[in-house]
Amino acid sequence: EANTVTKQILSSLATGTWIGGRTGVSQRLDRSSYIKTISHLRSVLSPLTPTQEHFKARQVHPTEWGRLCPAETPEGSSIGLRKHLALLTEITPGLAKEEEEEIINLLSGKIK
């Protein structure tokens, strides 16, 4: 039987409303067309609120070029806060063993 925490998480995922009244953390997947589904899965949502003026966060940062699409963003108050992955961007889980060891050595001060 599911415990209280599991029940709360399942309820929050189903309704989209989380503890503390935060909404929009989870969303239903838009399957009205194949293109909309892909666009929905590749969206990146900023945690900043659309009601405040965050000019720097809404602009395209040079480090985003090639990673996030500079053109695909909604109109209105959420402009620049919802971005989408660029066409050829790919998210890969995990690291190669050599990269992992290099990062551990770098962080522990054993720079080669």
PDB file of N, CA and C in Angstrom:
ATOM      1  N   GLU A   1       0.846  -1.185   0.000  1.00  0.00           N
ATOM      2  CA  GLU A   1       0.000   0.000   0.000  1.00  0.00           C
ATOM      3  C   GLU A   1       0.887   1.242   0.000  1.00  0.00           C
ATOM      4  N   ALA A   2       0.475   2.230  -0.742  1.00  0.00           N
ATOM      5  CA  ALA A   2       1.250   3.468  -0.853  1.00  0.00           C
ATOM      6  C   ALA A   2       1.170   4.258   0.440  1.00  0.00           C
ATOM      7  N   ASN A   3       2.303   4.850   0.819  1.00  0.00           N
ATOM      8  CA  ASN A   3       2.303   5.677   2.027  1.00  0.00           C
ATOM      9  C   ASN A   3       1.839   7.091   1.696  1.00  0.00           C
ATOM     10  N   THR A   4       1.804   7.948   2.687  1.00  0.00           N
ATOM     11  CA  THR A   4       1.282   9.305   2.526  1.00  0.00           C
ATOM     12  C   THR A   4       2.084  10.116   1.515  1.00  0.00           C
ATOM     13  N   VAL A   5       3.409  10.002   1.544  1.00  0.00           N
ATOM     14  CA  VAL A   5       4.257  10.770   0.630  1.00  0.00           C
ATOM     15  C   VAL A   5       3.993  10.348  -0.815  1.00  0.00           C
ATOM     16  N   THR A   6       3.927   9.051  -1.044  1.00  0.00           N
ATOM     17  CA  THR A   6       3.663   8.546  -2.390  1.00  0.00           C
ATOM     18  C   THR A   6       2.303   9.017  -2.889  1.00  0.00           C
ATOM     19  N   LYS A   7       1.292   8.961  -2.024  1.00  0.00           N
ATOM     20  CA  LYS A   7      -0.048   9.423  -2.406  1.00  0.00           C
ATOM     21  C   LYS A   7      -0.033  10.908  -2.759  1.00  0.00           C
ATOM     22  N   GLN A   8       0.701  11.713  -1.982  1.00  0.00           N
ATOM     23  CA  GLN A   8       0.761  13.151  -2.247  1.00  0.00           C
ATOM     24  C   GLN A   8       1.460  13.432  -3.579  1.00  0.00           C
ATOM     25  N   ILE A   9       2.543  12.709  -3.859  1.00  0.00           N
ATOM     26  CA  ILE A   9       3.269  12.893  -5.120  1.00  0.00           C
ATOM     27  C   ILE A   9       2.389  12.498  -6.303  1.00  0.00           C
ATOM     28  N   LEU A  10       1.699  11.369  -6.194  1.00  0.00           N
ATOM     29  CA  LEU A  10       0.814  10.934  -7.276  1.00  0.00           C
ATOM     30  C   LEU A  10      -0.319  11.931  -7.499  1.00  0.00           C
ATOM     31  N   SER A  11      -0.872  12.460  -6.418  1.00  0.00           N
ATOM     32  CA  SER A  11      -1.933  13.462  -6.530  1.00  0.00           C
ATOM     33  C   SER A  11      -1.409  14.737  -7.189  1.00  0.00           C
ATOM     34  N   SER A  12      -0.218  15.166  -6.791  1.00  0.00           N
ATOM     35  CA  SER A  12       0.371  16.381  -7.360  1.00  0.00           C
ATOM     36  C   SER A  12       0.672  16.214  -8.841  1.00  0.00           C
ATOM     37  N   LEU A  13       1.173  15.039  -9.223  1.00  0.00           N
ATOM     38  CA  LEU A  13       1.443  14.780 -10.637  1.00  0.00           C
ATOM     39  C   LEU A  13       0.155  14.772 -11.452  1.00  0.00           C
ATOM     40  N   ALA A  14      -0.907  14.224 -10.878  1.00  0.00           N
ATOM     41  CA  ALA A  14      -2.180  14.137 -11.593  1.00  0.00           C
ATOM     42  C   ALA A  14      -2.851  15.496 -11.746  1.00  0.00           C
ATOM     43  N   THR A  15      -2.792  16.323 -10.707  1.00  0.00           N
ATOM     44  CA  THR A  15      -3.510  17.602 -10.737  1.00  0.00           C
ATOM     45  C   THR A  15      -2.650  18.766 -11.196  1.00  0.00           C
ATOM     46  N   GLY A  16      -1.331  18.647 -11.032  1.00  0.00           N
ATOM     47  CA  GLY A  16      -0.440  19.754 -11.385  1.00  0.00           C
ATOM     48  C   GLY A  16      -0.296  20.776 -10.276  1.00  0.00           C
ATOM     49  N   THR A  17      -0.934  20.545  -9.131  1.00  0.00           N
ATOM     50  CA  THR A  17      -0.850  21.463  -7.996  1.00  0.00           C
ATOM     51  C   THR A  17      -0.029  20.799  -6.897  1.00  0.00           C
ATOM     52  N   TRP A  18       1.007  21.488  -6.441  1.00  0.00           N
ATOM     53  CA  TRP A  18       1.920  20.934  -5.453  1.00  0.00           C
ATOM     54  C   TRP A  18       1.733  21.610  -4.109  1.00  0.00           C
ATOM     55  N   ILE A  19       2.364  21.045  -3.096  1.00  0.00           N
ATOM     56  CA  ILE A  19       2.293  21.604  -1.746  1.00  0.00           C
ATOM     57  C   ILE A  19       2.817  23.030  -1.792  1.00  0.00           C
ATOM     58  N   GLY A  20       2.148  23.923  -1.099  1.00  0.00           N
ATOM     59  CA  GLY A  20       2.526  25.324  -1.123  1.00  0.00           C
ATOM     60  C   GLY A  20       1.824  26.089  -2.230  1.00  0.00           C
ATOM     61  N   GLY A  21       0.964  25.412  -2.988  1.00  0.00           N
ATOM     62  CA  GLY A  21       0.194  26.083  -4.023  1.00  0.00           C
ATOM     63  C   GLY A  21       0.914  26.283  -5.338  1.00  0.00           C
ATOM     64  N   ARG A  22       2.122  25.760  -5.473  1.00  0.00           N
ATOM     65  CA  ARG A  22       2.859  25.926  -6.732  1.00  0.00           C
ATOM     66  C   ARG A  22       2.189  25.107  -7.829  1.00  0.00           C
ATOM     67  N   THR A  23       1.935  25.743  -8.955  1.00  0.00           N
ATOM     68  CA  THR A  23       1.292  25.058 -10.077  1.00  0.00           C
ATOM     69  C   THR A  23       2.217  25.065 -11.288  1.00  0.00           C
ATOM     70  N   GLY A  24       1.937  24.201 -12.234  1.00  0.00           N
ATOM     71  CA  GLY A  24       2.712  24.162 -13.467  1.00  0.00           C
ATOM     72  C   GLY A  24       3.973  23.332 -13.388  1.00  0.00           C
ATOM     73  N   VAL A  25       4.204  22.654 -12.261  1.00  0.00           N
ATOM     74  CA  VAL A  25       5.396  21.822 -12.122  1.00  0.00           C
ATOM     75  C   VAL A  25       5.282  20.603 -13.035  1.00  0.00           C
ATOM     76  N   SER A  26       4.106  20.032 -13.088  1.00  0.00           N
ATOM     77  CA  SER A  26       3.856  18.924 -14.011  1.00  0.00           C
ATOM     78  C   SER A  26       2.736  19.339 -14.959  1.00  0.00           C
ATOM     79  N   GLN A  27       2.807  18.825 -16.172  1.00  0.00           N
ATOM     80  CA  GLN A  27       1.820  19.190 -17.187  1.00  0.00           C
ATOM     81  C   GLN A  27       1.394  17.953 -17.951  1.00  0.00           C
ATOM     82  N   ARG A  28       0.203  18.021 -18.522  1.00  0.00           N
ATOM     83  CA  ARG A  28      -0.244  16.954 -19.415  1.00  0.00           C
ATOM     84  C   ARG A  28       0.499  17.105 -20.742  1.00  0.00           C
ATOM     85  N   LEU A  29       0.893  15.992 -21.309  1.00  0.00           N
ATOM     86  CA  LEU A  29       1.604  16.010 -22.585  1.00  0.00           C
ATOM     87  C   LEU A  29       0.634  16.331 -23.714  1.00  0.00           C
ATOM     88  N   ASP A  30       0.946  17.363 -24.476  1.00  0.00           N
ATOM     89  CA  ASP A  30       0.099  17.787 -25.596  1.00  0.00           C
ATOM     90  C   ASP A  30       0.310  16.841 -26.773  1.00  0.00           C
ATOM     91  N   ARG A  31      -0.680  16.022 -27.057  1.00  0.00           N
ATOM     92  CA  ARG A  31      -0.590  15.053 -28.150  1.00  0.00           C
ATOM     93  C   ARG A  31      -1.551  15.373 -29.290  1.00  0.00           C
ATOM     94  N   SER A  32      -1.874  16.657 -29.451  1.00  0.00           N
ATOM     95  CA  SER A  32      -2.800  17.026 -30.522  1.00  0.00           C
ATOM     96  C   SER A  32      -2.181  16.832 -31.905  1.00  0.00           C
ATOM     97  N   SER A  33      -0.855  16.870 -31.999  1.00  0.00           N
ATOM     98  CA  SER A  33      -0.159  16.530 -33.244  1.00  0.00           C
ATOM     99  C   SER A  33       1.253  16.065 -32.879  1.00  0.00           C
ATOM    100  N   TYR A  34       1.893  15.394 -33.814  1.00  0.00           N
ATOM    101  CA  TYR A  34       3.250  14.893 -33.575  1.00  0.00           C
ATOM    102  C   TYR A  34       4.214  16.046 -33.297  1.00  0.00           C
ATOM    103  N   ILE A  35       4.104  17.121 -34.074  1.00  0.00           N
ATOM    104  CA  ILE A  35       4.994  18.276 -33.916  1.00  0.00           C
ATOM    105  C   ILE A  35       4.799  18.923 -32.547  1.00  0.00           C
ATOM    106  N   LYS A  36       3.551  19.067 -32.107  1.00  0.00           N
ATOM    107  CA  LYS A  36       3.286  19.649 -30.789  1.00  0.00           C
ATOM    108  C   LYS A  36       3.840  18.770 -29.675  1.00  0.00           C
ATOM    109  N   THR A  37       3.749  17.452 -29.838  1.00  0.00           N
ATOM    110  CA  THR A  37       4.289  16.535 -28.832  1.00  0.00           C
ATOM    111  C   THR A  37       5.799  16.701 -28.718  1.00  0.00           C
ATOM    112  N   ILE A  38       6.496  16.725 -29.846  1.00  0.00           N
ATOM    113  CA  ILE A  38       7.954  16.899 -29.842  1.00  0.00           C
ATOM    114  C   ILE A  38       8.320  18.251 -29.247  1.00  0.00           C
ATOM    115  N   SER A  39       7.617  19.299 -29.630  1.00  0.00           N
ATOM    116  CA  SER A  39       7.875  20.637 -29.105  1.00  0.00           C
ATOM    117  C   SER A  39       7.668  20.679 -27.597  1.00  0.00           C
ATOM    118  N   HIS A  40       6.609  20.031 -27.121  1.00  0.00           N
ATOM    119  CA  HIS A  40       6.317  20.008 -25.683  1.00  0.00           C
ATOM    120  C   HIS A  40       7.417  19.273 -24.918  1.00  0.00           C
ATOM    121  N   LEU A  41       7.892  18.158 -25.462  1.00  0.00           N
ATOM    122  CA  LEU A  41       8.937  17.374 -24.792  1.00  0.00           C
ATOM    123  C   LEU A  41      10.282  18.093 -24.780  1.00  0.00           C
ATOM    124  N   ARG A  42      10.521  18.978 -25.737  1.00  0.00           N
ATOM    125  CA  ARG A  42      11.804  19.667 -25.839  1.00  0.00           C
ATOM    126  C   ARG A  42      11.778  21.067 -25.234  1.00  0.00           C
ATOM    127  N   SER A  43      10.709  21.406 -24.517  1.00  0.00           N
ATOM    128  CA  SER A  43      10.631  22.749 -23.933  1.00  0.00           C
ATOM    129  C   SER A  43      11.421  22.824 -22.630  1.00  0.00           C
ATOM    130  N   VAL A  44      11.978  23.990 -22.381  1.00  0.00           N
ATOM    131  CA  VAL A  44      12.755  24.271 -21.173  1.00  0.00           C
ATOM    132  C   VAL A  44      12.080  25.458 -20.504  1.00  0.00           C
ATOM    133  N   LEU A  45      11.570  25.251 -19.304  1.00  0.00           N
ATOM    134  CA  LEU A  45      10.812  26.286 -18.611  1.00  0.00           C
ATOM    135  C   LEU A  45      11.651  26.894 -17.496  1.00  0.00           C
ATOM    136  N   SER A  46      11.771  28.201 -17.501  1.00  0.00           N
ATOM    137  CA  SER A  46      12.498  28.921 -16.458  1.00  0.00           C
ATOM    138  C   SER A  46      11.664  28.946 -15.181  1.00  0.00           C
ATOM    139  N   PRO A  47      12.303  28.844 -14.023  1.00  0.00           N
ATOM    140  CA  PRO A  47      11.550  28.917 -12.766  1.00  0.00           C
ATOM    141  C   PRO A  47      11.123  30.342 -12.412  1.00  0.00           C
ATOM    142  N   LEU A  48      11.553  31.333 -13.180  1.00  0.00           N
ATOM    143  CA  LEU A  48      11.191  32.724 -12.905  1.00  0.00           C
ATOM    144  C   LEU A  48       9.724  32.965 -13.232  1.00  0.00           C
ATOM    145  N   THR A  49       9.112  33.904 -12.523  1.00  0.00           N
ATOM    146  CA  THR A  49       7.693  34.189 -12.740  1.00  0.00           C
ATOM    147  C   THR A  49       7.511  35.117 -13.935  1.00  0.00           C
ATOM    148  N   PRO A  50       6.486  34.879 -14.747  1.00  0.00           N
ATOM    149  CA  PRO A  50       6.247  35.721 -15.927  1.00  0.00           C
ATOM    150  C   PRO A  50       5.803  37.142 -15.589  1.00  0.00           C
ATOM    151  N   THR A  51       5.351  37.381 -14.364  1.00  0.00           N
ATOM    152  CA  THR A  51       4.841  38.708 -14.005  1.00  0.00           C
ATOM    153  C   THR A  51       5.947  39.709 -13.705  1.00  0.00           C
ATOM    154  N   GLN A  52       7.149  39.231 -13.420  1.00  0.00           N
ATOM    155  CA  GLN A  52       8.257  40.132 -13.106  1.00  0.00           C
ATOM    156  C   GLN A  52       9.099  40.385 -14.348  1.00  0.00           C
ATOM    157  N   GLU A  53       9.774  41.534 -14.359  1.00  0.00           N
ATOM    158  CA  GLU A  53      10.615  41.893 -15.502  1.00  0.00           C
ATOM    159  C   GLU A  53      12.022  41.329 -15.303  1.00  0.00           C
ATOM    160  N   HIS A  54      12.340  40.281 -16.012  1.00  0.00           N
ATOM    161  CA  HIS A  54      13.659  39.652 -15.969  1.00  0.00           C
ATOM    162  C   HIS A  54      14.267  39.790 -17.361  1.00  0.00           C
ATOM    163  N   PHE A  55      14.754  40.980 -17.686  1.00  0.00           N
ATOM    164  CA  PHE A  55      15.215  41.231 -19.050  1.00  0.00           C
ATOM    165  C   PHE A  55      16.385  40.341 -19.440  1.00  0.00           C
ATOM    166  N   LYS A  56      17.354  40.161 -18.542  1.00  0.00           N
ATOM    167  CA  LYS A  56      18.529  39.336 -18.863  1.00  0.00           C
ATOM    168  C   LYS A  56      18.139  37.875 -19.064  1.00  0.00           C
ATOM    169  N   ALA A  57      17.210  37.379 -18.247  1.00  0.00           N
ATOM    170  CA  ALA A  57      16.791  35.978 -18.362  1.00  0.00           C
ATOM    171  C   ALA A  57      16.004  35.728 -19.640  1.00  0.00           C
ATOM    172  N   ARG A  58      15.337  36.746 -20.148  1.00  0.00           N
ATOM    173  CA  ARG A  58      14.513  36.595 -21.346  1.00  0.00           C
ATOM    174  C   ARG A  58      15.332  36.685 -22.631  1.00  0.00           C
ATOM    175  N   GLN A  59      16.515  37.270 -22.561  1.00  0.00           N
ATOM    176  CA  GLN A  59      17.353  37.419 -23.750  1.00  0.00           C
ATOM    177  C   GLN A  59      18.108  36.123 -24.034  1.00  0.00           C
ATOM    178  N   VAL A  60      18.559  35.977 -25.271  1.00  0.00           N
ATOM    179  CA  VAL A  60      19.354  34.807 -25.641  1.00  0.00           C
ATOM    180  C   VAL A  60      20.786  35.041 -25.180  1.00  0.00           C
ATOM    181  N   HIS A  61      21.275  34.163 -24.320  1.00  0.00           N
ATOM    182  CA  HIS A  61      22.651  34.253 -23.825  1.00  0.00           C
ATOM    183  C   HIS A  61      23.572  33.556 -24.831  1.00  0.00           C
ATOM    184  N   PRO A  62      24.791  34.069 -25.037  1.00  0.00           N
ATOM    185  CA  PRO A  62      25.701  33.449 -26.017  1.00  0.00           C
ATOM    186  C   PRO A  62      25.961  31.960 -25.781  1.00  0.00           C
ATOM    187  N   THR A  63      25.902  31.500 -24.533  1.00  0.00           N
ATOM    188  CA  THR A  63      26.137  30.078 -24.257  1.00  0.00           C
ATOM    189  C   THR A  63      24.971  29.199 -24.698  1.00  0.00           C
ATOM    190  N   GLU A  64      23.829  29.804 -25.034  1.00  0.00           N
ATOM    191  CA  GLU A  64      22.661  29.038 -25.469  1.00  0.00           C
ATOM    192  C   GLU A  64      22.666  28.748 -26.963  1.00  0.00           C
ATOM    193  N   TRP A  65      23.497  29.448 -27.738  1.00  0.00           N
ATOM    194  CA  TRP A  65      23.505  29.264 -29.190  1.00  0.00           C
ATOM    195  C   TRP A  65      23.878  27.828 -29.533  1.00  0.00           C
ATOM    196  N   GLY A  66      23.059  27.198 -30.355  1.00  0.00           N
ATOM    197  CA  GLY A  66      23.281  25.813 -30.734  1.00  0.00           C
ATOM    198  C   GLY A  66      22.652  24.831 -29.768  1.00  0.00           C
ATOM    199  N   ARG A  67      22.248  25.302 -28.613  1.00  0.00           N
ATOM    200  CA  ARG A  67      21.612  24.444 -27.615  1.00  0.00           C
ATOM    201  C   ARG A  67      20.117  24.732 -27.503  1.00  0.00           C
ATOM    202  N   LEU A  68      19.768  26.028 -27.461  1.00  0.00           N
ATOM    203  CA  LEU A  68      18.368  26.444 -27.370  1.00  0.00           C
ATOM    204  C   LEU A  68      17.998  27.235 -28.616  1.00  0.00           C
ATOM    205  N   CYS A  69      16.791  27.033 -29.088  1.00  0.00           N
ATOM    206  CA  CYS A  69      16.314  27.725 -30.289  1.00  0.00           C
ATOM    207  C   CYS A  69      16.053  29.193 -29.962  1.00  0.00           C
ATOM    208  N   PRO A  70      16.680  30.130 -30.675  1.00  0.00           N
ATOM    209  CA  PRO A  70      16.473  31.552 -30.379  1.00  0.00           C
ATOM    210  C   PRO A  70      15.124  32.082 -30.871  1.00  0.00           C
ATOM    211  N   ALA A  71      14.403  31.318 -31.677  1.00  0.00           N
ATOM    212  CA  ALA A  71      13.153  31.807 -32.266  1.00  0.00           C
ATOM    213  C   ALA A  71      11.900  31.248 -31.605  1.00  0.00           C
ATOM    214  N   GLU A  72      11.950  30.018 -31.123  1.00  0.00           N
ATOM    215  CA  GLU A  72      10.734  29.387 -30.599  1.00  0.00           C
ATOM    216  C   GLU A  72      10.527  29.743 -29.131  1.00  0.00           C
ATOM    217  N   THR A  73       9.664  30.688 -28.889  1.00  0.00           N
ATOM    218  CA  THR A  73       9.282  31.115 -27.545  1.00  0.00           C
ATOM    219  C   THR A  73       7.871  31.682 -27.638  1.00  0.00           C
ATOM    220  N   PRO A  74       7.077  31.562 -26.588  1.00  0.00           N
ATOM    221  CA  PRO A  74       5.693  32.044 -26.680  1.00  0.00           C
ATOM    222  C   PRO A  74       5.595  33.561 -26.673  1.00  0.00           C
ATOM    223  N   GLU A  75       4.463  34.067 -27.100  1.00  0.00           N
ATOM    224  CA  GLU A  75       4.177  35.503 -27.047  1.00  0.00           C
ATOM    225  C   GLU A  75       3.688  35.840 -25.640  1.00  0.00           C
ATOM    226  N   GLY A  76       3.658  37.101 -25.321  1.00  0.00           N
ATOM    227  CA  GLY A  76       3.071  37.551 -24.057  1.00  0.00           C
ATOM    228  C   GLY A  76       4.048  37.560 -22.899  1.00  0.00           C
ATOM    229  N   SER A  77       3.526  37.383 -21.693  1.00  0.00           N
ATOM    230  CA  SER A  77       4.335  37.543 -20.482  1.00  0.00           C
ATOM    231  C   SER A  77       5.381  36.447 -20.302  1.00  0.00           C
ATOM    232  N   SER A  78       5.226  35.307 -20.959  1.00  0.00           N
ATOM    233  CA  SER A  78       6.190  34.211 -20.822  1.00  0.00           C
ATOM    234  C   SER A  78       7.288  34.251 -21.878  1.00  0.00           C
ATOM    235  N   ILE A  79       7.334  35.304 -22.690  1.00  0.00           N
ATOM    236  CA  ILE A  79       8.332  35.377 -23.754  1.00  0.00           C
ATOM    237  C   ILE A  79       9.746  35.302 -23.171  1.00  0.00           C
ATOM    238  N   GLY A  80      10.546  34.415 -23.695  1.00  0.00           N
ATOM    239  CA  GLY A  80      11.917  34.246 -23.243  1.00  0.00           C
ATOM    240  C   GLY A  80      12.073  33.392 -22.001  1.00  0.00           C
ATOM    241  N   LEU A  81      10.995  33.081 -21.309  1.00  0.00           N
ATOM    242  CA  LEU A  81      11.081  32.238 -20.117  1.00  0.00           C
ATOM    243  C   LEU A  81      10.805  30.775 -20.449  1.00  0.00           C
ATOM    244  N   ARG A  82      10.090  30.527 -21.522  1.00  0.00           N
ATOM    245  CA  ARG A  82       9.904  29.165 -22.019  1.00  0.00           C
ATOM    246  C   ARG A  82      10.689  29.080 -23.316  1.00  0.00           C
ATOM    247  N   LYS A  83      11.720  28.254 -23.293  1.00  0.00           N
ATOM    248  CA  LYS A  83      12.576  28.096 -24.463  1.00  0.00           C
ATOM    249  C   LYS A  83      12.496  26.648 -24.914  1.00  0.00           C
ATOM    250  N   HIS A  84      13.032  26.344 -26.073  1.00  0.00           N
ATOM    251  CA  HIS A  84      12.993  24.990 -26.609  1.00  0.00           C
ATOM    252  C   HIS A  84      14.384  24.583 -27.072  1.00  0.00           C
ATOM    253  N   LEU A  85      14.678  23.302 -26.941  1.00  0.00           N
ATOM    254  CA  LEU A  85      15.968  22.798 -27.394  1.00  0.00           C
ATOM    255  C   LEU A  85      16.104  23.008 -28.897  1.00  0.00           C
ATOM    256  N   ALA A  86      17.313  23.304 -29.342  1.00  0.00           N
ATOM    257  CA  ALA A  86      17.578  23.477 -30.769  1.00  0.00           C
ATOM    258  C   ALA A  86      17.389  22.141 -31.488  1.00  0.00           C
ATOM    259  N   LEU A  87      17.273  22.212 -32.795  1.00  0.00           N
ATOM    260  CA  LEU A  87      16.938  21.045 -33.604  1.00  0.00           C
ATOM    261  C   LEU A  87      17.884  19.866 -33.373  1.00  0.00           C
ATOM    262  N   LEU A  88      19.180  20.108 -33.325  1.00  0.00           N
ATOM    263  CA  LEU A  88      20.150  19.016 -33.204  1.00  0.00           C
ATOM    264  C   LEU A  88      20.675  18.816 -31.785  1.00  0.00           C
ATOM    265  N   THR A  89      20.065  19.471 -30.797  1.00  0.00           N
ATOM    266  CA  THR A  89      20.482  19.289 -29.406  1.00  0.00           C
ATOM    267  C   THR A  89      20.043  17.921 -28.921  1.00  0.00           C
ATOM    268  N   GLU A  90      20.954  17.239 -28.236  1.00  0.00           N
ATOM    269  CA  GLU A  90      20.650  15.919 -27.694  1.00  0.00           C
ATOM    270  C   GLU A  90      21.113  15.872 -26.243  1.00  0.00           C
ATOM    271  N   ILE A  91      20.257  15.415 -25.360  1.00  0.00           N
ATOM    272  CA  ILE A  91      20.598  15.263 -23.950  1.00  0.00           C
ATOM    273  C   ILE A  91      21.051  13.825 -23.750  1.00  0.00           C
ATOM    274  N   THR A  92      22.258  13.643 -23.243  1.00  0.00           N
ATOM    275  CA  THR A  92      22.764  12.304 -22.997  1.00  0.00           C
ATOM    276  C   THR A  92      22.901  12.090 -21.494  1.00  0.00           C
ATOM    277  N   PRO A  93      22.324  11.024 -20.974  1.00  0.00           N
ATOM    278  CA  PRO A  93      22.445  10.760 -19.538  1.00  0.00           C
ATOM    279  C   PRO A  93      23.802  10.159 -19.210  1.00  0.00           C
ATOM    280  N   GLY A  94      24.346  10.563 -18.079  1.00  0.00           N
ATOM    281  CA  GLY A  94      25.588   9.976 -17.615  1.00  0.00           C
ATOM    282  C   GLY A  94      26.826  10.487 -18.328  1.00  0.00           C
ATOM    283  N   LEU A  95      27.971  10.019 -17.863  1.00  0.00           N
ATOM    284  CA  LEU A  95      29.265  10.383 -18.430  1.00  0.00           C
ATOM    285  C   LEU A  95      30.046   9.121 -18.755  1.00  0.00           C
ATOM    286  N   ALA A  96      30.991   9.248 -19.648  1.00  0.00           N
ATOM    287  CA  ALA A  96      31.919   8.153 -19.889  1.00  0.00           C
ATOM    288  C   ALA A  96      32.796   7.998 -18.648  1.00  0.00           C
ATOM    289  N   LYS A  97      33.265   6.799 -18.384  1.00  0.00           N
ATOM    290  CA  LYS A  97      34.061   6.517 -17.176  1.00  0.00           C
ATOM    291  C   LYS A  97      35.288   7.427 -17.098  1.00  0.00           C
ATOM    292  N   GLU A  98      35.942   7.673 -18.241  1.00  0.00           N
ATOM    293  CA  GLU A  98      37.137   8.518 -18.257  1.00  0.00           C
ATOM    294  C   GLU A  98      36.789   9.957 -17.869  1.00  0.00           C
ATOM    295  N   GLU A  99      35.659  10.461 -18.394  1.00  0.00           N
ATOM    296  CA  GLU A  99      35.235  11.823 -18.060  1.00  0.00           C
ATOM    297  C   GLU A  99      34.900  11.937 -16.581  1.00  0.00           C
ATOM    298  N   GLU A 100      34.252  10.912 -16.042  1.00  0.00           N
ATOM    299  CA  GLU A 100      33.888  10.905 -14.629  1.00  0.00           C
ATOM    300  C   GLU A 100      35.138  10.942 -13.751  1.00  0.00           C
ATOM    301  N   GLU A 101      36.134  10.134 -14.085  1.00  0.00           N
ATOM    302  CA  GLU A 101      37.385  10.112 -13.317  1.00  0.00           C
ATOM    303  C   GLU A 101      38.115  11.447 -13.421  1.00  0.00           C
ATOM    304  N   GLU A 102      38.101  12.057 -14.610  1.00  0.00           N
ATOM    305  CA  GLU A 102      38.753  13.352 -14.806  1.00  0.00           C
ATOM    306  C   GLU A 102      38.099  14.430 -13.944  1.00  0.00           C
ATOM    307  N   ILE A 103      36.781  14.429 -13.881  1.00  0.00           N
ATOM    308  CA  ILE A 103      36.067  15.413 -13.059  1.00  0.00           C
ATOM    309  C   ILE A 103      36.341  15.179 -11.580  1.00  0.00           C
ATOM    310  N   ILE A 104      36.342  13.927 -11.147  1.00  0.00           N
ATOM    311  CA  ILE A 104      36.630  13.617  -9.739  1.00  0.00           C
ATOM    312  C   ILE A 104      38.035  14.058  -9.385  1.00  0.00           C
ATOM    313  N   ASN A 105      39.000  13.785 -10.255  1.00  0.00           N
ATOM    314  CA  ASN A 105      40.380  14.212 -10.007  1.00  0.00           C
ATOM    315  C   ASN A 105      40.495  15.731  -9.976  1.00  0.00           C
ATOM    316  N   LEU A 106      39.799  16.390 -10.871  1.00  0.00           N
ATOM    317  CA  LEU A 106      39.819  17.848 -10.918  1.00  0.00           C
ATOM    318  C   LEU A 106      39.240  18.440  -9.636  1.00  0.00           C
ATOM    319  N   LEU A 107      38.115  17.907  -9.191  1.00  0.00           N
ATOM    320  CA  LEU A 107      37.472  18.413  -7.981  1.00  0.00           C
ATOM    321  C   LEU A 107      38.254  18.081  -6.713  1.00  0.00           C
ATOM    322  N   SER A 108      38.961  16.969  -6.719  1.00  0.00           N
ATOM    323  CA  SER A 108      39.732  16.592  -5.528  1.00  0.00           C
ATOM    324  C   SER A 108      41.129  17.204  -5.520  1.00  0.00           C
ATOM    325  N   GLY A 109      41.465  17.984  -6.547  1.00  0.00           N
ATOM    326  CA  GLY A 109      42.753  18.669  -6.581  1.00  0.00           C
ATOM    327  C   GLY A 109      43.865  17.874  -7.231  1.00  0.00           C
ATOM    328  N   LYS A 110      43.564  16.751  -7.838  1.00  0.00           N
ATOM    329  CA  LYS A 110      44.568  15.914  -8.492  1.00  0.00           C
ATOM    330  C   LYS A 110      44.596  16.201  -9.987  1.00  0.00           C
ATOM    331  N   ILE A 111      44.839  17.446 -10.330  1.00  0.00           N
ATOM    332  CA  ILE A 111      44.851  17.840 -11.736  1.00  0.00           C
ATOM    333  C   ILE A 111      46.060  17.226 -12.416  1.00  0.00           C
ATOM    334  N   LYS A 112      45.821  16.580 -13.554  1.00  0.00           N
ATOM    335  CA  LYS A 112      46.911  15.919 -14.282  1.00  0.00           C
ATOM    336  C   LYS A 112      47.600  16.893 -15.194  1.00  0.00           C
TER     337      LYS A 112
END
